[in-house]
Amino acid sequence: MIGSDVIWLVMVASGLLTFAARFSMIGLFQDRELPQIIKQILTYVAPSVLAAIIIPDVLLIDGAVTVLDNPKIPAFLLAMVAAALTRNVLVTISTGMIALWIITAWI
């Protein structure tokens, strides 16, 4: 079994490494402007991370990809329509949740 001192060491080391990785971008580029190609690449980071978080939650049920009889898919599609029309996070989340509740009540 791992001792508590090793666990603390791992937690502190992980925190320091995370801080160093994030601060390095601020420290290295605080006086310089990022190259245009880097700015362009960084515009894709947020959507790709969001997709990596949301898509598995929508498609996986009990660890398996489920397309048929999956109430999350139509709720997700309705939420995406609401997002495209309103560009409002609260409306998007509300639409998706209400749609999921209604669809789950019918199934």
C-alpha atoms as a PDB file:
ATOM      1  CA  MET A   1       0.000   0.000   0.000  1.00  0.00           C
ATOM      2  CA  ILE A   2       1.207   3.491  -0.779  1.00  0.00           C
ATOM      3  CA  GLY A   3       2.062   5.665   2.199  1.00  0.00           C
ATOM      4  CA  SER A   4       0.471   9.041   2.791  1.00  0.00           C
ATOM      5  CA  ASP A   5       3.813  10.800   2.250  1.00  0.00           C
ATOM      6  CA  VAL A   6       4.008   9.421  -1.295  1.00  0.00           C
ATOM      7  CA  ILE A   7       0.452  10.547  -2.003  1.00  0.00           C
ATOM      8  CA  TRP A   8       1.273  14.061  -0.775  1.00  0.00           C
ATOM      9  CA  LEU A   9       4.432  14.097  -2.864  1.00  0.00           C
ATOM     10  CA  VAL A  10       2.497  13.117  -5.980  1.00  0.00           C
ATOM     11  CA  MET A  11      -0.204  15.738  -5.313  1.00  0.00           C
ATOM     12  CA  VAL A  12       2.321  18.526  -4.734  1.00  0.00           C
ATOM     13  CA  ALA A  13       4.395  17.501  -7.763  1.00  0.00           C
ATOM     14  CA  SER A  14       1.275  17.367  -9.947  1.00  0.00           C
ATOM     15  CA  GLY A  15       0.218  20.807  -8.761  1.00  0.00           C
ATOM     16  CA  LEU A  16       3.653  22.282  -9.401  1.00  0.00           C
ATOM     17  CA  LEU A  17       3.866  20.740 -12.868  1.00  0.00           C
ATOM     18  CA  THR A  18       0.391  21.977 -13.760  1.00  0.00           C
ATOM     19  CA  PHE A  19       1.232  25.457 -12.524  1.00  0.00           C
ATOM     20  CA  ALA A  20       4.548  25.463 -14.406  1.00  0.00           C
ATOM     21  CA  ALA A  21       2.895  24.356 -17.652  1.00  0.00           C
ATOM     22  CA  ARG A  22       0.230  27.052 -17.452  1.00  0.00           C
ATOM     23  CA  PHE A  23       2.504  29.801 -16.202  1.00  0.00           C
ATOM     24  CA  SER A  24       5.125  29.085 -18.846  1.00  0.00           C
ATOM     25  CA  MET A  25       2.792  30.347 -21.565  1.00  0.00           C
ATOM     26  CA  ILE A  26       2.125  33.523 -19.604  1.00  0.00           C
ATOM     27  CA  GLY A  27       5.778  34.026 -18.708  1.00  0.00           C
ATOM     28  CA  LEU A  28       7.127  33.284 -22.166  1.00  0.00           C
ATOM     29  CA  PHE A  29       4.645  35.328 -24.157  1.00  0.00           C
ATOM     30  CA  GLN A  30       3.706  38.194 -21.849  1.00  0.00           C
ATOM     31  CA  ASP A  31       5.774  40.753 -23.773  1.00  0.00           C
ATOM     32  CA  ARG A  32       5.324  39.236 -27.214  1.00  0.00           C
ATOM     33  CA  GLU A  33       2.374  38.719 -29.469  1.00  0.00           C
ATOM     34  CA  LEU A  34       1.619  35.148 -30.448  1.00  0.00           C
ATOM     35  CA  PRO A  35       2.260  34.258 -34.072  1.00  0.00           C
ATOM     36  CA  GLN A  36      -0.859  34.253 -36.237  1.00  0.00           C
ATOM     37  CA  ILE A  37      -0.676  30.490 -36.831  1.00  0.00           C
ATOM     38  CA  ILE A  38      -0.693  29.831 -33.071  1.00  0.00           C
ATOM     39  CA  LYS A  39      -3.686  32.139 -32.608  1.00  0.00           C
ATOM     40  CA  GLN A  40      -5.484  30.323 -35.385  1.00  0.00           C
ATOM     41  CA  ILE A  41      -4.714  26.920 -33.870  1.00  0.00           C
ATOM     42  CA  LEU A  42      -5.846  28.039 -30.412  1.00  0.00           C
ATOM     43  CA  THR A  43      -9.292  28.945 -31.747  1.00  0.00           C
ATOM     44  CA  TYR A  44      -9.948  25.210 -32.177  1.00  0.00           C
ATOM     45  CA  VAL A  45      -8.950  24.197 -28.642  1.00  0.00           C
ATOM     46  CA  ALA A  46     -12.158  25.117 -26.795  1.00  0.00           C
ATOM     47  CA  PRO A  47     -14.560  23.478 -29.281  1.00  0.00           C
ATOM     48  CA  SER A  48     -12.489  20.298 -29.435  1.00  0.00           C
ATOM     49  CA  VAL A  49     -12.258  20.015 -25.640  1.00  0.00           C
ATOM     50  CA  LEU A  50     -15.987  20.662 -25.303  1.00  0.00           C
ATOM     51  CA  ALA A  51     -16.747  18.014 -27.924  1.00  0.00           C
ATOM     52  CA  ALA A  52     -14.456  15.536 -26.168  1.00  0.00           C
ATOM     53  CA  ILE A  53     -16.421  16.057 -22.962  1.00  0.00           C
ATOM     54  CA  ILE A  54     -19.957  16.111 -24.372  1.00  0.00           C
ATOM     55  CA  ILE A  55     -20.005  13.499 -27.166  1.00  0.00           C
ATOM     56  CA  PRO A  56     -19.066  10.483 -25.001  1.00  0.00           C
ATOM     57  CA  ASP A  57     -21.715  11.478 -22.459  1.00  0.00           C
ATOM     58  CA  VAL A  58     -24.348  11.683 -25.178  1.00  0.00           C
ATOM     59  CA  LEU A  59     -23.446   8.457 -26.984  1.00  0.00           C
ATOM     60  CA  LEU A  60     -22.406   6.146 -24.138  1.00  0.00           C
ATOM     61  CA  ILE A  61     -24.927   4.361 -21.974  1.00  0.00           C
ATOM     62  CA  ASP A  62     -23.484   1.862 -19.488  1.00  0.00           C
ATOM     63  CA  GLY A  63     -20.120   2.033 -21.254  1.00  0.00           C
ATOM     64  CA  ALA A  64     -21.428   1.090 -24.701  1.00  0.00           C
ATOM     65  CA  VAL A  65     -22.209   3.297 -27.678  1.00  0.00           C
ATOM     66  CA  THR A  66     -25.974   3.423 -27.992  1.00  0.00           C
ATOM     67  CA  VAL A  67     -27.637   5.106 -30.938  1.00  0.00           C
ATOM     68  CA  LEU A  68     -31.047   3.451 -30.989  1.00  0.00           C
ATOM     69  CA  ASP A  69     -33.260   4.048 -27.964  1.00  0.00           C
ATOM     70  CA  ASN A  70     -30.934   6.767 -26.692  1.00  0.00           C
ATOM     71  CA  PRO A  71     -32.988   9.711 -25.393  1.00  0.00           C
ATOM     72  CA  LYS A  72     -29.883  11.883 -25.129  1.00  0.00           C
ATOM     73  CA  ILE A  73     -29.395  12.141 -28.898  1.00  0.00           C
ATOM     74  CA  PRO A  74     -32.642  13.990 -29.767  1.00  0.00           C
ATOM     75  CA  ALA A  75     -32.226  16.176 -26.665  1.00  0.00           C
ATOM     76  CA  PHE A  76     -28.676  16.975 -27.760  1.00  0.00           C
ATOM     77  CA  LEU A  77     -29.835  17.835 -31.280  1.00  0.00           C
ATOM     78  CA  LEU A  78     -32.553  20.148 -29.931  1.00  0.00           C
ATOM     79  CA  ALA A  79     -30.009  21.811 -27.651  1.00  0.00           C
ATOM     80  CA  MET A  80     -27.681  22.348 -30.622  1.00  0.00           C
ATOM     81  CA  VAL A  81     -30.503  23.973 -32.591  1.00  0.00           C
ATOM     82  CA  ALA A  82     -31.220  26.233 -29.606  1.00  0.00           C
ATOM     83  CA  ALA A  83     -27.503  27.077 -29.381  1.00  0.00           C
ATOM     84  CA  ALA A  84     -27.307  27.917 -33.073  1.00  0.00           C
ATOM     85  CA  LEU A  85     -30.416  30.094 -32.964  1.00  0.00           C
ATOM     86  CA  THR A  86     -29.893  31.939 -29.687  1.00  0.00           C
ATOM     87  CA  ARG A  87     -26.130  31.719 -28.965  1.00  0.00           C
ATOM     88  CA  ASN A  88     -27.179  31.681 -25.299  1.00  0.00           C
ATOM     89  CA  VAL A  89     -25.742  29.093 -22.909  1.00  0.00           C
ATOM     90  CA  LEU A  90     -28.678  29.199 -20.476  1.00  0.00           C
ATOM     91  CA  VAL A  91     -31.225  28.664 -23.258  1.00  0.00           C
ATOM     92  CA  THR A  92     -29.129  25.843 -24.702  1.00  0.00           C
ATOM     93  CA  ILE A  93     -28.798  23.988 -21.389  1.00  0.00           C
ATOM     94  CA  SER A  94     -32.460  24.558 -20.519  1.00  0.00           C
ATOM     95  CA  THR A  95     -33.629  23.318 -23.908  1.00  0.00           C
ATOM     96  CA  GLY A  96     -31.492  20.205 -23.691  1.00  0.00           C
ATOM     97  CA  MET A  97     -32.566  19.371 -20.145  1.00  0.00           C
ATOM     98  CA  ILE A  98     -36.269  19.976 -20.752  1.00  0.00           C
ATOM     99  CA  ALA A  99     -36.121  17.927 -23.956  1.00  0.00           C
ATOM    100  CA  LEU A 100     -34.326  15.103 -22.138  1.00  0.00           C
ATOM    101  CA  TRP A 101     -36.914  15.118 -19.333  1.00  0.00           C
ATOM    102  CA  ILE A 102     -39.812  15.050 -21.775  1.00  0.00           C
ATOM    103  CA  ILE A 103     -38.276  12.340 -23.959  1.00  0.00           C
ATOM    104  CA  THR A 104     -37.370  10.195 -20.939  1.00  0.00           C
ATOM    105  CA  ALA A 105     -40.905  10.528 -19.573  1.00  0.00           C
ATOM    106  CA  TRP A 106     -42.314   9.199 -22.845  1.00  0.00           C
ATOM    107  CA  ILE A 107     -39.931   6.251 -23.186  1.00  0.00           C
END
